[in-house]
Amino acid sequence: MKTAPRRDRTHYQILGIAPSASPAEIKKAYRRQVKTYHPDICADPNAAEITGQINVAYDVLSDCSKRLAYDYEIAKPRPAAAQESRPASPWIYCQICGSVNSTLRVAGFYSVVGVLFGMSRSVQGGVLCSECRSRVAFRQNMITAICGWWGIPAFFFAWHALLRNLTGGVQPRKANEELRQALKQQDMYFRSNDPSPQKIRGAYAMRGAIPALLSVGAMTLLCTWGSGSDSPDVARTTTATQHQTRVSTEAVALQRESFTLESEKSALDKEVSRLSNQEAALDSLDGVIERLRSSYEYNAPTGAEVDEFNELVTRRNSSLEELMAAATALDRRSSAFNMGVAAFNEKLTKAKQRAGLQ
């Protein structure tokens, strides 16, 4: 039977797998498709072209960096509305939390699970903000730190995964260049939804060092286990183990504190958004009052119109007082938050020094 090659299919459809397929499933599907469509086996006149498509698909999906860039390409966010009109909402956002800010990147992070002579290695990522990148890196590092040492080949890949994750993971250059251009286009339509100062936004970036602390602890413990049977210096081994325990405990405490700061940051953002809406409503009410005042200069108002005008002015003054009180409270919360971020920065710097990261 003649099979016409379809050029509109994705690499996943060509191999007959889901976009979430593991590297082992990709390799298995590739071998199955090659056995089916290889020109030496298949009598289909288009077998050579189909096999070429299969080879290209496997070449892209079997490489972590190429696969991540390809996933971004096929799911590249675009404005829902036509380019001639203003889009109704931002079309580029974090694929995990949905936030829209300048920290968005196409990134992926490794995890390794070893079992005796076998292992499983995967990459998780997408278009992520700095907060979600640190979350994914932390989770992938923890999986690797706990499960990556129980196999001979996995031992070496676990080191590579941890070190790669600590340096930002896989970030395809071409995909990120396209993403930055798209973000510039989006910024022409929308103002960033992160109105807080740089110090507040810095809380997200700080959290990226916490997986590093835990990974250093895991590496130190691994080195201790590896050298314990050969070294007669038991005291030195005990000291290294205690140091690793302190580093890991401190990292977990910093992790909890970072979650608290992020929750407060989210609450501040919601309060800023609420006050912005209230300010916009107040501006609209001011416009109505001004139009009525201008019309009354030419036409004398009736008694009912005067009562309605006075009611609008009273409501406007009440709304203004509420807005000012809420803005003052927000300033106090922001100051307290900035002090908390500064204290967290100091703790994190000291922890990194003790862990040997600085």
Protein backbone atom coordinates (compact mmCIF):
# COMPACT_ATOMS: atom_id res chain seq x y z
CA MET A 1 0.00 0.00 0.00
CA LYS A 2 1.32 3.41 -0.93
CA THR A 3 1.76 5.83 1.96
CA ALA A 4 2.03 9.51 1.13
CA PRO A 5 4.48 11.32 3.44
CA ARG A 6 2.78 14.13 5.36
CA ARG A 7 4.93 17.19 5.95
CA ASP A 8 2.49 18.84 8.34
CA ARG A 9 3.00 16.28 11.10
CA THR A 10 5.10 16.95 14.17
CA HIS A 11 8.11 14.82 15.06
CA TYR A 12 6.07 13.20 17.81
CA GLN A 13 3.36 12.21 15.33
CA ILE A 14 5.96 10.86 12.91
CA LEU A 15 7.32 8.54 15.59
CA GLY A 16 3.83 7.79 16.93
CA ILE A 17 4.51 8.93 20.50
CA ALA A 18 3.15 11.46 22.97
CA PRO A 19 4.94 14.79 23.60
CA SER A 20 5.65 13.59 27.14
CA ALA A 21 7.46 10.43 25.97
CA SER A 22 10.66 9.46 27.78
CA PRO A 23 14.02 8.99 25.98
CA ALA A 24 13.57 5.21 26.20
CA GLU A 25 10.14 5.43 24.58
CA ILE A 26 11.53 7.67 21.83
CA LYS A 27 14.29 5.18 21.02
CA LYS A 28 11.83 2.27 21.02
CA ALA A 29 9.42 4.10 18.71
CA TYR A 30 12.27 5.08 16.36
CA ARG A 31 13.41 1.47 16.00
CA ARG A 32 9.85 0.32 15.40
CA GLN A 33 9.24 2.95 12.71
CA VAL A 34 12.55 2.26 10.96
CA LYS A 35 11.80 -1.47 10.84
CA THR A 36 8.42 -0.66 9.30
CA TYR A 37 9.43 1.92 6.68
CA HIS A 38 13.06 1.15 5.83
CA PRO A 39 13.42 1.02 2.00
CA ASP A 40 15.04 -2.42 2.18
CA ILE A 41 11.96 -3.80 3.93
CA CYS A 42 9.02 -1.66 2.87
CA ALA A 43 7.83 -1.77 -0.74
CA ASP A 44 6.21 1.64 -0.52
CA PRO A 45 7.72 4.01 -3.15
CA ASN A 46 7.77 6.79 -0.54
CA ALA A 47 9.60 4.67 2.03
CA ALA A 48 12.90 6.52 1.60
CA GLU A 49 11.32 9.92 2.25
CA ILE A 50 9.34 8.62 5.22
CA THR A 51 12.49 7.07 6.67
CA GLY A 52 14.26 10.41 6.25
CA GLN A 53 11.49 12.11 8.23
CA ILE A 54 11.81 9.45 10.93
CA ASN A 55 15.58 10.00 11.15
CA VAL A 56 15.16 13.78 11.40
CA ALA A 57 12.50 13.37 14.10
CA TYR A 58 14.72 11.05 16.13
CA ASP A 59 17.76 13.32 15.72
CA VAL A 60 15.78 16.22 17.23
CA LEU A 61 13.90 14.38 19.97
CA SER A 62 16.86 12.31 21.17
CA ASP A 63 18.88 15.47 21.94
CA CYS A 64 17.64 17.27 25.06
CA SER A 65 18.53 20.77 23.87
CA LYS A 66 17.10 20.27 20.37
CA ARG A 67 13.94 18.72 21.77
CA LEU A 68 13.38 21.64 24.15
CA ALA A 69 13.82 24.15 21.31
CA TYR A 70 11.49 22.12 19.10
CA ASP A 71 8.83 21.91 21.82
CA TYR A 72 8.95 25.70 22.08
CA GLU A 73 8.73 26.04 18.28
CA ILE A 74 5.59 23.89 17.86
CA ALA A 75 3.90 25.43 20.91
CA LYS A 76 5.22 28.94 20.30
CA PRO A 77 2.74 31.35 21.89
CA ARG A 78 1.27 33.89 19.49
CA PRO A 79 -1.30 36.65 19.94
CA ALA A 80 -4.83 35.34 19.71
CA ALA A 81 -6.06 38.38 17.83
CA ALA A 82 -4.88 39.51 14.43
CA GLN A 83 -1.83 41.70 14.29
CA GLU A 84 -3.92 44.64 13.03
CA SER A 85 -5.88 44.81 16.30
CA ARG A 86 -4.79 44.99 19.90
CA PRO A 87 -4.62 41.51 21.54
CA ALA A 88 -7.03 41.07 24.44
CA SER A 89 -4.44 39.54 26.80
CA PRO A 90 -0.72 38.65 26.90
CA TRP A 91 0.10 35.59 24.81
CA ILE A 92 3.54 34.84 26.29
CA TYR A 93 3.51 33.64 29.87
CA CYS A 94 5.05 31.07 32.19
CA GLN A 95 3.69 27.60 31.36
CA ILE A 96 3.51 26.69 35.07
CA CYS A 97 2.34 29.74 37.04
CA GLY A 98 1.05 31.91 34.17
CA SER A 99 3.04 34.99 35.17
CA VAL A 100 4.19 37.56 32.60
CA ASN A 101 7.54 39.25 33.22
CA SER A 102 10.99 39.82 31.76
CA THR A 103 12.49 36.69 33.39
CA LEU A 104 10.76 34.27 30.99
CA ARG A 105 13.16 31.82 29.33
CA VAL A 106 13.00 28.56 27.41
CA ALA A 107 14.77 26.22 29.83
CA GLY A 108 14.91 22.57 30.87
CA PHE A 109 16.48 20.68 33.75
CA TYR A 110 17.83 17.13 34.00
CA SER A 111 16.92 14.36 36.41
CA VAL A 112 18.63 10.96 36.64
CA VAL A 113 17.31 7.78 38.26
CA GLY A 114 19.68 4.82 38.47
CA VAL A 115 18.91 1.14 39.07
CA LEU A 116 21.97 -1.17 39.16
CA PHE A 117 23.15 -1.32 35.53
CA GLY A 118 20.31 0.73 34.12
CA MET A 119 19.17 4.35 34.39
CA SER A 120 16.52 6.78 33.27
CA ARG A 121 17.30 10.37 32.32
CA SER A 122 14.69 13.01 31.53
CA VAL A 123 14.39 16.76 31.00
CA GLN A 124 11.52 18.87 32.28
CA GLY A 125 11.02 22.46 31.22
CA GLY A 126 9.38 24.88 28.82
CA VAL A 127 8.75 28.63 28.90
CA LEU A 128 9.39 29.37 32.58
CA CYS A 129 9.83 32.41 34.79
CA SER A 130 12.75 32.61 37.22
CA GLU A 131 10.60 31.40 40.12
CA CYS A 132 9.38 28.29 38.31
CA ARG A 133 12.86 27.60 36.93
CA SER A 134 14.17 27.47 40.49
CA ARG A 135 11.25 25.23 41.50
CA VAL A 136 11.84 22.80 38.62
CA ALA A 137 15.62 22.83 39.17
CA PHE A 138 15.10 22.14 42.87
CA ARG A 139 12.76 19.22 42.16
CA GLN A 140 14.99 17.72 39.46
CA ASN A 141 18.08 18.11 41.68
CA MET A 142 16.33 16.40 44.57
CA ILE A 143 15.28 13.48 42.35
CA THR A 144 18.86 13.15 41.11
CA ALA A 145 20.41 13.58 44.56
CA ILE A 146 18.20 10.83 46.02
CA CYS A 147 17.83 8.38 43.13
CA GLY A 148 20.73 9.14 40.79
CA TRP A 149 23.50 7.20 42.53
CA TRP A 150 22.07 3.67 42.52
CA GLY A 151 23.50 2.56 39.19
CA ILE A 152 26.94 2.39 37.60
CA PRO A 153 26.20 4.53 34.50
CA ALA A 154 23.79 6.76 36.44
CA PHE A 155 26.56 7.73 38.87
CA PHE A 156 28.40 9.72 36.19
CA PHE A 157 25.27 11.17 34.57
CA ALA A 158 24.02 12.31 37.99
CA TRP A 159 27.08 14.55 38.42
CA HIS A 160 26.51 16.00 34.96
CA ALA A 161 22.81 16.61 35.69
CA LEU A 162 23.48 18.36 39.00
CA LEU A 163 26.21 20.58 37.60
CA ARG A 164 24.17 21.44 34.50
CA ASN A 165 21.10 22.30 36.59
CA LEU A 166 23.20 24.51 38.88
CA THR A 167 24.38 26.51 35.86
CA GLY A 168 20.89 27.26 34.53
CA GLY A 169 19.96 23.98 32.86
CA VAL A 170 19.42 23.60 29.11
CA GLN A 171 18.57 26.95 27.49
CA PRO A 172 18.50 26.78 23.65
CA ARG A 173 20.01 29.99 22.32
CA LYS A 174 17.91 30.36 19.17
CA ALA A 175 14.63 29.66 20.96
CA ASN A 176 15.45 32.21 23.67
CA GLU A 177 16.39 34.85 21.10
CA GLU A 178 13.00 34.38 19.45
CA LEU A 179 11.33 34.52 22.86
CA ARG A 180 13.02 37.81 23.72
CA GLN A 181 11.88 39.34 20.44
CA ALA A 182 8.34 38.15 21.07
CA LEU A 183 8.43 39.60 24.59
CA LYS A 184 9.44 42.98 23.15
CA GLN A 185 6.48 42.82 20.79
CA GLN A 186 4.17 41.90 23.66
CA ASP A 187 5.53 44.78 25.78
CA MET A 188 4.35 47.17 23.07
CA TYR A 189 0.77 46.20 23.99
CA PHE A 190 0.92 45.45 27.68
CA ARG A 191 2.66 46.85 30.70
CA SER A 192 4.46 44.32 32.86
CA ASN A 193 2.20 42.85 35.55
CA ASP A 194 5.05 43.07 38.06
CA PRO A 195 4.80 46.63 39.42
CA SER A 196 6.92 46.01 42.49
CA PRO A 197 10.52 47.20 42.86
CA GLN A 198 13.54 45.24 41.69
CA LYS A 199 14.24 44.20 45.27
CA ILE A 200 10.90 42.39 45.44
CA ARG A 201 11.43 40.68 42.10
CA GLY A 202 14.86 39.63 43.31
CA ALA A 203 13.25 37.22 45.78
CA TYR A 204 12.52 34.89 42.88
CA ALA A 205 16.09 34.86 41.63
CA MET A 206 17.53 34.29 45.12
CA ARG A 207 15.70 31.01 45.40
CA GLY A 208 17.76 29.56 42.56
CA ALA A 209 20.74 29.19 44.92
CA ILE A 210 18.82 26.95 47.34
CA PRO A 211 18.95 23.83 45.10
CA ALA A 212 22.68 24.51 44.86
CA LEU A 213 23.01 24.27 48.65
CA LEU A 214 21.11 20.98 48.76
CA SER A 215 23.09 19.58 45.85
CA VAL A 216 26.37 20.53 47.49
CA GLY A 217 25.16 18.68 50.56
CA ALA A 218 24.33 15.62 48.47
CA MET A 219 27.71 15.74 46.71
CA THR A 220 29.54 16.09 50.03
CA LEU A 221 27.69 13.09 51.44
CA LEU A 222 28.44 11.05 48.33
CA CYS A 223 32.15 11.88 48.53
CA THR A 224 32.10 10.93 52.22
CA TRP A 225 30.54 7.56 51.43
CA GLY A 226 32.96 6.96 48.58
CA SER A 227 36.06 7.71 50.65
CA GLY A 228 34.87 6.25 53.97
CA SER A 229 35.99 2.68 53.22
CA ASP A 230 39.47 3.72 52.14
CA SER A 231 40.28 6.47 54.63
CA PRO A 232 41.34 5.58 58.17
CA ASP A 233 40.54 9.09 59.39
CA VAL A 234 37.13 8.48 60.98
CA ALA A 235 37.04 11.91 62.63
CA ARG A 236 37.44 13.64 59.28
CA THR A 237 34.60 11.59 57.79
CA THR A 238 32.33 12.44 60.72
CA THR A 239 33.12 16.13 60.35
CA ALA A 240 32.30 16.05 56.63
CA THR A 241 29.01 14.27 57.33
CA GLN A 242 28.07 16.82 59.99
CA HIS A 243 28.92 19.66 57.61
CA GLN A 244 26.72 18.13 54.92
CA THR A 245 23.87 17.75 57.41
CA ARG A 246 24.15 21.40 58.47
CA VAL A 247 24.19 22.56 54.84
CA SER A 248 21.11 20.51 53.95
CA THR A 249 19.21 21.61 57.07
CA GLU A 250 20.03 25.26 56.42
CA ALA A 251 18.96 24.93 52.80
CA VAL A 252 15.59 23.46 53.79
CA ALA A 253 15.04 26.34 56.27
CA LEU A 254 15.88 28.86 53.55
CA GLN A 255 13.51 27.06 51.21
CA ARG A 256 10.64 27.49 53.67
CA GLU A 257 11.50 31.16 54.14
CA SER A 258 11.55 31.70 50.38
CA PHE A 259 8.05 30.23 50.11
CA THR A 260 6.88 32.68 52.78
CA LEU A 261 8.43 35.61 50.90
CA GLU A 262 6.85 34.49 47.64
CA SER A 263 3.42 34.21 49.26
CA GLU A 264 3.78 37.75 50.59
CA LYS A 265 4.98 38.90 47.15
CA SER A 266 1.87 37.38 45.54
CA ALA A 267 -0.37 39.08 48.12
CA LEU A 268 1.34 42.43 47.45
CA ASP A 269 0.83 42.03 43.70
CA LYS A 270 -2.89 41.33 44.20
CA GLU A 271 -3.24 44.36 46.46
CA VAL A 272 -1.47 46.58 43.90
CA SER A 273 -3.80 45.29 41.19
CA ARG A 274 -6.85 45.97 43.38
CA LEU A 275 -5.71 49.51 44.14
CA SER A 276 -5.03 50.14 40.46
CA ASN A 277 -8.59 49.11 39.60
CA GLN A 278 -9.93 51.28 42.40
CA GLU A 279 -7.89 54.23 41.16
CA ALA A 280 -9.21 53.71 37.62
CA ALA A 281 -12.79 53.69 38.95
CA LEU A 282 -12.06 56.87 40.89
CA ASP A 283 -10.70 58.56 37.76
CA SER A 284 -13.86 57.58 35.90
CA LEU A 285 -16.00 59.05 38.69
CA ASP A 286 -13.96 62.27 38.56
CA GLY A 287 -14.69 62.49 34.85
CA VAL A 288 -18.43 62.16 35.44
CA ILE A 289 -18.32 64.87 38.13
CA GLU A 290 -16.39 67.25 35.88
CA ARG A 291 -18.82 66.74 32.98
CA LEU A 292 -21.79 67.42 35.26
CA ARG A 293 -20.12 70.52 36.70
CA SER A 294 -19.44 71.84 33.17
CA SER A 295 -23.04 71.24 32.08
CA TYR A 296 -24.39 73.03 35.16
CA GLU A 297 -22.51 76.19 34.17
CA TYR A 298 -24.84 76.58 31.19
CA ASN A 299 -28.04 74.96 32.50
CA ALA A 300 -29.19 75.45 36.06
CA PRO A 301 -29.63 72.05 37.74
CA THR A 302 -32.88 70.93 39.32
CA GLY A 303 -33.11 69.98 42.97
CA ALA A 304 -32.89 66.25 42.14
CA GLU A 305 -29.81 66.84 39.97
CA VAL A 306 -28.13 68.78 42.78
CA ASP A 307 -28.81 65.91 45.22
CA GLU A 308 -27.41 63.40 42.71
CA PHE A 309 -24.33 65.56 42.14
CA ASN A 310 -23.70 65.91 45.88
CA GLU A 311 -24.07 62.14 46.33
CA LEU A 312 -21.47 61.53 43.61
CA VAL A 313 -19.06 63.98 45.25
CA THR A 314 -19.55 62.32 48.65
CA ARG A 315 -18.95 58.87 47.16
CA ARG A 316 -15.88 60.16 45.37
CA ASN A 317 -14.42 61.64 48.57
CA SER A 318 -15.12 58.44 50.51
CA SER A 319 -13.44 56.33 47.80
CA LEU A 320 -10.44 58.64 47.80
CA GLU A 321 -10.02 58.29 51.58
CA GLU A 322 -10.22 54.50 51.33
CA LEU A 323 -7.67 54.50 48.52
CA MET A 324 -5.23 56.66 50.45
CA ALA A 325 -5.55 54.49 53.57
CA ALA A 326 -5.01 51.31 51.56
CA ALA A 327 -1.98 52.86 49.78
CA THR A 328 -0.45 53.78 53.14
CA ALA A 329 -0.96 50.24 54.44
CA LEU A 330 0.55 48.84 51.25
CA ASP A 331 3.63 51.05 51.67
CA ARG A 332 4.11 49.67 55.19
CA ARG A 333 3.76 46.08 53.99
CA SER A 334 6.19 46.72 51.12
CA SER A 335 8.75 48.20 53.52
CA ALA A 336 8.43 45.20 55.84
CA PHE A 337 8.75 42.86 52.85
CA ASN A 338 11.89 44.61 51.60
CA MET A 339 13.41 44.27 55.06
CA GLY A 340 12.57 40.56 54.99
CA VAL A 341 14.19 40.19 51.57
CA ALA A 342 17.33 41.96 52.80
CA ALA A 343 17.52 39.63 55.82
CA PHE A 344 16.99 36.61 53.55
CA ASN A 345 19.76 37.87 51.26
CA GLU A 346 22.15 38.07 54.18
CA LYS A 347 21.27 34.56 55.39
CA LEU A 348 21.62 33.17 51.88
CA THR A 349 25.04 34.79 51.39
CA LYS A 350 26.31 33.34 54.66
CA ALA A 351 24.89 29.91 53.82
CA LYS A 352 26.59 29.94 50.41
CA GLN A 353 29.88 30.88 52.04
CA ARG A 354 29.60 28.04 54.53
CA ALA A 355 28.71 25.62 51.70
CA GLY A 356 31.72 26.74 49.66
CA LEU A 357 29.69 28.29 46.83
CA GLN A 358 31.39 31.68 47.26
